[in-house]
Amino acid sequence: MKIIIAGAGTVGQAVWNALAMHPNTDLDIYFDDPFKGYNYDVGLYGNNVETGVTPPDGVIVCVSTPRAEDGSCDTSNVSEVFKKYGTKVKYLVKSAVDPVWISGQNEEHKITYSPEFLRGSHVHADATSEFLNQTFAIYGGSDCRWWDELFRPVLLDLKDVRYTTLEQASFSKYVENTFLATKVTFFNEMYRIYETLGFEGFDAMVDAITLDPRIGKSHTQVPGPDGKFGYGGHCLPKDMSALRHLAETPLLDAVANINEVYRP
């Protein structure tokens, strides 16, 4: 079985490292990322493949989808991957994409979407560990079971897997990231009020309330792990912008506007 990983960034490297541990010795994995020196006929560590070999059984799409000038999701890199490998191979898209756009692409391609929630600040070694230790997975689209069975032998901590529609899976990525951005904003606002009232020990207060599992500890730290207020990084601002571009949303508009005060 031949698998191409399109995109050798943090997610692509994590997927590569995980599949490299696969017990199936007939599984051949190749990177395709011209910007980093990998082409579809050249595998990592110099495993050359002659031009004209049989097409891959599957392509895992991990290319970047940056924020366009109008705030939407730029899906051009994903389009290039689809164009390159055609309509006969199975695709597993890990890149964050516009759910309306990807739904339209499904008419021509065999697309499964599986949202990836790796933290963008992690280096590749940590991202690989996080990928391998994930406890849940979502697959949406036409070949959910095929991709699930491919990863099962290396994702040993999986407890829950859901098969959904392509639209449900791709939209879930935006839901999670915009929720986390909103949660960060909420705790930043609580910190501001707490400090204004002259109270001390905000972290101790948060530590106490996060004993309630309905709240949880993630994304409650103020300032954040980078020492700054508000949400930043790559994914949260980009996905917040993309979802706001798809529909009017006063709540997310307010969250984004508040965050601009914290991170002008």
Protein backbone atom coordinates (compact mmCIF):
# COMPACT_ATOMS: atom_id res chain seq x y z
CA MET A 1 0.00 0.00 0.00
CA LYS A 2 1.31 3.42 -0.99
CA ILE A 3 0.38 6.52 1.02
CA ILE A 4 1.38 10.08 0.10
CA ILE A 5 1.52 12.75 2.79
CA ALA A 6 1.03 16.11 1.09
CA GLY A 7 2.59 18.74 3.34
CA ALA A 8 5.62 18.24 5.59
CA GLY A 9 4.74 20.75 8.29
CA THR A 10 3.92 19.98 11.93
CA VAL A 11 0.86 17.85 11.15
CA GLY A 12 2.45 16.10 8.17
CA GLN A 13 5.56 15.22 10.18
CA ALA A 14 3.43 13.86 13.02
CA VAL A 15 1.41 11.70 10.61
CA TRP A 16 4.61 10.48 8.93
CA ASN A 17 6.25 9.55 12.25
CA ALA A 18 3.12 7.72 13.38
CA LEU A 19 2.71 5.71 10.19
CA ALA A 20 6.43 4.90 10.20
CA MET A 21 5.65 2.80 13.28
CA HIS A 22 2.95 0.85 11.44
CA PRO A 23 3.28 -2.96 11.74
CA ASN A 24 2.32 -3.44 8.08
CA THR A 25 5.69 -3.81 6.37
CA ASP A 26 4.03 -3.38 2.97
CA LEU A 27 3.04 0.19 3.79
CA ASP A 28 5.10 2.68 1.77
CA ILE A 29 4.92 6.33 2.84
CA TYR A 30 6.16 9.30 0.83
CA PHE A 31 6.17 13.03 1.43
CA ASP A 32 5.05 15.50 -1.21
CA ASP A 33 6.08 19.04 -0.31
CA PRO A 34 8.01 20.84 -3.06
CA PHE A 35 8.63 23.84 -0.78
CA LYS A 36 10.60 21.57 1.54
CA GLY A 37 12.33 19.56 -1.17
CA TYR A 38 9.99 16.57 -1.33
CA ASN A 39 8.21 15.58 -4.54
CA TYR A 40 5.70 12.81 -5.03
CA ASP A 41 8.33 10.53 -6.57
CA VAL A 42 10.90 11.06 -3.81
CA GLY A 43 10.36 9.66 -0.32
CA LEU A 44 11.86 10.85 2.92
CA TYR A 45 15.46 9.79 3.52
CA GLY A 46 16.07 9.37 -0.19
CA ASN A 47 13.77 6.45 -0.94
CA ASN A 48 13.53 7.04 -4.67
CA VAL A 49 10.56 5.93 -6.72
CA GLU A 50 10.78 5.94 -10.48
CA THR A 51 8.36 8.12 -12.43
CA GLY A 52 5.38 6.25 -13.80
CA VAL A 53 4.74 3.87 -10.92
CA THR A 54 1.18 3.05 -9.90
CA PRO A 55 -0.72 5.91 -8.24
CA PRO A 56 -1.01 5.97 -4.45
CA ASP A 57 -3.81 4.21 -2.63
CA GLY A 58 -4.36 7.25 -0.47
CA VAL A 59 -3.25 10.85 -0.05
CA ILE A 60 -3.23 12.52 3.37
CA VAL A 61 -3.60 16.28 2.87
CA CYS A 62 -1.71 18.30 5.48
CA VAL A 63 -0.91 21.44 3.45
CA SER A 64 -1.36 24.96 4.80
CA THR A 65 -4.65 26.82 4.35
CA PRO A 66 -3.76 30.42 5.26
CA ARG A 67 -6.12 33.29 5.86
CA ALA A 68 -6.92 35.10 2.61
CA GLU A 69 -6.96 38.90 2.39
CA ASP A 70 -10.75 38.97 2.78
CA GLY A 71 -10.56 36.80 5.92
CA SER A 72 -11.73 33.60 4.25
CA CYS A 73 -9.89 30.29 4.18
CA ASP A 74 -7.45 30.04 1.25
CA THR A 75 -7.92 26.47 -0.02
CA SER A 76 -5.66 26.81 -3.07
CA ASN A 77 -3.00 24.45 -1.69
CA VAL A 78 -5.59 21.72 -1.14
CA SER A 79 -6.93 22.31 -4.65
CA GLU A 80 -3.42 21.78 -6.04
CA VAL A 81 -3.17 18.42 -4.27
CA PHE A 82 -6.54 17.31 -5.69
CA LYS A 83 -5.47 18.46 -9.15
CA LYS A 84 -2.16 16.61 -8.91
CA TYR A 85 -3.51 13.22 -7.82
CA GLY A 86 -6.86 13.22 -9.60
CA THR A 87 -10.20 11.68 -8.82
CA LYS A 88 -9.39 7.99 -8.37
CA VAL A 89 -7.38 8.02 -5.13
CA LYS A 90 -8.74 8.23 -1.59
CA TYR A 91 -8.08 11.52 0.21
CA LEU A 92 -7.86 12.12 3.94
CA VAL A 93 -7.90 15.88 4.52
CA LYS A 94 -6.29 17.07 7.76
CA SER A 95 -5.94 20.71 6.69
CA ALA A 96 -8.53 23.16 8.05
CA VAL A 97 -10.84 23.97 5.14
CA ASP A 98 -14.03 25.87 4.37
CA PRO A 99 -16.77 23.24 4.94
CA VAL A 100 -18.89 24.68 2.13
CA TRP A 101 -15.97 24.46 -0.29
CA ILE A 102 -14.94 20.93 0.67
CA SER A 103 -18.54 19.76 0.32
CA GLY A 104 -18.48 20.88 -3.31
CA GLN A 105 -15.19 19.08 -3.95
CA ASN A 106 -16.73 15.83 -2.76
CA GLU A 107 -18.69 15.56 -5.99
CA GLU A 108 -15.49 14.71 -7.88
CA HIS A 109 -13.12 13.25 -5.28
CA LYS A 110 -13.19 10.49 -2.67
CA ILE A 111 -12.74 12.73 0.35
CA THR A 112 -12.69 11.90 4.02
CA TYR A 113 -12.14 14.73 6.48
CA SER A 114 -10.52 14.15 9.87
CA PRO A 115 -9.97 17.27 11.98
CA GLU A 116 -6.58 17.53 13.62
CA PHE A 117 -6.24 19.32 16.94
CA LEU A 118 -2.46 19.36 17.43
CA ARG A 119 -1.26 22.46 19.21
CA GLY A 120 0.58 24.58 16.65
CA SER A 121 3.27 25.69 19.09
CA HIS A 122 4.59 22.17 19.51
CA VAL A 123 7.80 21.08 17.84
CA HIS A 124 7.53 17.99 15.66
CA ALA A 125 8.68 15.53 18.33
CA ASP A 126 6.02 16.70 20.76
CA ALA A 127 3.40 16.84 18.02
CA THR A 128 4.12 13.21 17.17
CA SER A 129 3.61 12.18 20.78
CA GLU A 130 0.39 14.18 20.95
CA PHE A 131 -0.83 12.61 17.71
CA LEU A 132 -0.05 9.08 18.91
CA ASN A 133 -1.73 9.67 22.28
CA GLN A 134 -5.00 11.09 20.97
CA THR A 135 -8.03 9.54 22.64
CA PHE A 136 -10.67 10.38 20.04
CA ALA A 137 -10.92 10.74 16.29
CA ILE A 138 -13.52 12.03 13.86
CA TYR A 139 -13.80 10.81 10.26
CA GLY A 140 -16.35 12.28 7.91
CA GLY A 141 -16.99 11.40 4.28
CA SER A 142 -16.82 8.45 1.93
CA ASP A 143 -14.05 6.18 3.27
CA CYS A 144 -14.16 6.63 7.04
CA ARG A 145 -13.60 3.00 7.95
CA TRP A 146 -10.72 2.58 5.48
CA TRP A 147 -8.77 5.45 7.05
CA ASP A 148 -9.74 4.47 10.59
CA GLU A 149 -8.40 0.97 10.04
CA LEU A 150 -5.17 2.36 8.57
CA PHE A 151 -4.41 4.38 11.72
CA ARG A 152 -5.76 1.99 14.36
CA PRO A 153 -2.54 -0.06 14.73
CA VAL A 154 -0.58 3.05 15.76
CA LEU A 155 -3.24 5.04 17.65
CA LEU A 156 -3.34 2.72 20.62
CA ASP A 157 -5.04 5.15 23.03
CA LEU A 158 -8.13 5.74 20.90
CA LYS A 159 -11.26 5.35 23.00
CA ASP A 160 -13.92 7.03 20.87
CA VAL A 161 -14.25 7.29 17.09
CA ARG A 162 -17.10 8.92 15.24
CA TYR A 163 -18.04 8.52 11.58
CA THR A 164 -19.92 11.56 10.28
CA THR A 165 -20.73 13.35 7.07
CA LEU A 166 -18.00 15.34 5.38
CA GLU A 167 -19.73 18.60 6.31
CA GLN A 168 -20.10 17.62 9.97
CA ALA A 169 -16.44 16.67 10.29
CA SER A 170 -15.05 19.74 8.54
CA PHE A 171 -17.35 22.11 10.44
CA SER A 172 -16.33 20.50 13.74
CA LYS A 173 -12.81 21.86 13.28
CA TYR A 174 -14.16 25.41 13.17
CA VAL A 175 -16.50 24.76 16.09
CA GLU A 176 -13.70 23.54 18.35
CA ASN A 177 -11.24 26.29 17.53
CA THR A 178 -13.75 29.13 17.75
CA PHE A 179 -15.03 27.71 21.04
CA LEU A 180 -11.50 27.63 22.44
CA ALA A 181 -10.89 31.18 21.24
CA THR A 182 -14.11 32.24 22.95
CA LYS A 183 -13.05 30.45 26.14
CA VAL A 184 -9.71 32.26 26.14
CA THR A 185 -11.50 35.58 25.68
CA PHE A 186 -13.94 34.80 28.49
CA PHE A 187 -11.16 34.09 30.99
CA ASN A 188 -9.26 37.19 29.89
CA GLU A 189 -12.37 39.23 30.63
CA MET A 190 -12.76 37.55 34.04
CA TYR A 191 -9.13 38.35 34.79
CA ARG A 192 -9.69 42.00 33.90
CA ILE A 193 -12.71 42.24 36.19
CA TYR A 194 -10.90 40.39 38.99
CA GLU A 195 -7.93 42.75 38.81
CA THR A 196 -10.19 45.82 38.61
CA LEU A 197 -11.87 44.77 41.86
CA GLY A 198 -8.47 44.61 43.53
CA PHE A 199 -8.56 40.91 44.28
CA GLU A 200 -5.44 38.72 44.38
CA GLY A 201 -4.78 35.14 43.36
CA PHE A 202 -6.66 34.79 40.08
CA ASP A 203 -4.82 31.56 39.24
CA ALA A 204 -5.87 29.97 42.54
CA MET A 205 -9.49 30.91 41.86
CA VAL A 206 -9.32 29.37 38.39
CA ASP A 207 -7.66 26.25 39.76
CA ALA A 208 -10.60 25.85 42.15
CA ILE A 209 -13.40 26.28 39.61
CA THR A 210 -11.78 24.01 37.05
CA LEU A 211 -12.34 21.12 39.43
CA ASP A 212 -15.76 21.17 37.79
CA PRO A 213 -15.33 18.99 34.65
CA ARG A 214 -17.90 21.11 32.82
CA ILE A 215 -15.34 23.92 32.78
CA GLY A 216 -12.04 22.08 32.38
CA LYS A 217 -8.52 23.46 32.71
CA SER A 218 -7.57 24.05 29.10
CA HIS A 219 -7.41 27.61 27.75
CA THR A 220 -8.04 29.20 31.16
CA GLN A 221 -4.52 30.53 31.78
CA VAL A 222 -4.20 34.34 31.84
CA PRO A 223 -1.79 35.50 30.50
CA GLY A 224 -1.44 32.54 28.13
CA PRO A 225 1.51 30.12 27.83
CA ASP A 226 3.27 32.66 25.60
CA GLY A 227 3.02 35.33 28.29
CA LYS A 228 0.48 37.37 26.32
CA PHE A 229 -3.18 38.18 26.82
CA GLY A 230 -5.86 37.03 24.40
CA TYR A 231 -5.62 34.20 21.90
CA GLY A 232 -2.93 34.03 19.25
CA GLY A 233 -0.97 31.44 17.36
CA HIS A 234 -1.91 30.22 13.92
CA CYS A 235 -5.13 28.21 14.08
CA LEU A 236 -7.49 30.10 16.40
CA PRO A 237 -7.33 33.52 14.67
CA LYS A 238 -7.42 31.94 11.21
CA ASP A 239 -10.40 29.68 11.87
CA MET A 240 -12.25 32.42 13.74
CA SER A 241 -11.83 34.67 10.71
CA ALA A 242 -12.90 31.96 8.26
CA LEU A 243 -16.09 31.13 10.12
CA ARG A 244 -17.01 34.81 10.47
CA HIS A 245 -16.55 35.10 6.71
CA LEU A 246 -19.07 32.31 6.09
CA ALA A 247 -21.93 33.77 8.09
CA GLU A 248 -22.97 36.71 10.24
CA THR A 249 -22.20 35.92 13.84
CA PRO A 250 -22.48 38.69 16.44
CA LEU A 251 -21.01 36.49 19.17
CA LEU A 252 -17.82 35.65 17.27
CA ASP A 253 -17.58 39.24 16.01
CA ALA A 254 -17.59 40.38 19.64
CA VAL A 255 -14.97 37.80 20.63
CA ALA A 256 -12.68 38.84 17.76
CA ASN A 257 -13.11 42.53 18.54
CA ILE A 258 -12.30 41.99 22.22
CA ASN A 259 -9.23 39.99 21.25
CA GLU A 260 -7.99 42.88 19.12
CA VAL A 261 -7.87 44.94 22.32
CA TYR A 262 -5.70 42.29 23.96
CA ARG A 263 -3.59 41.59 20.87
CA PRO A 264 -3.71 44.71 18.65
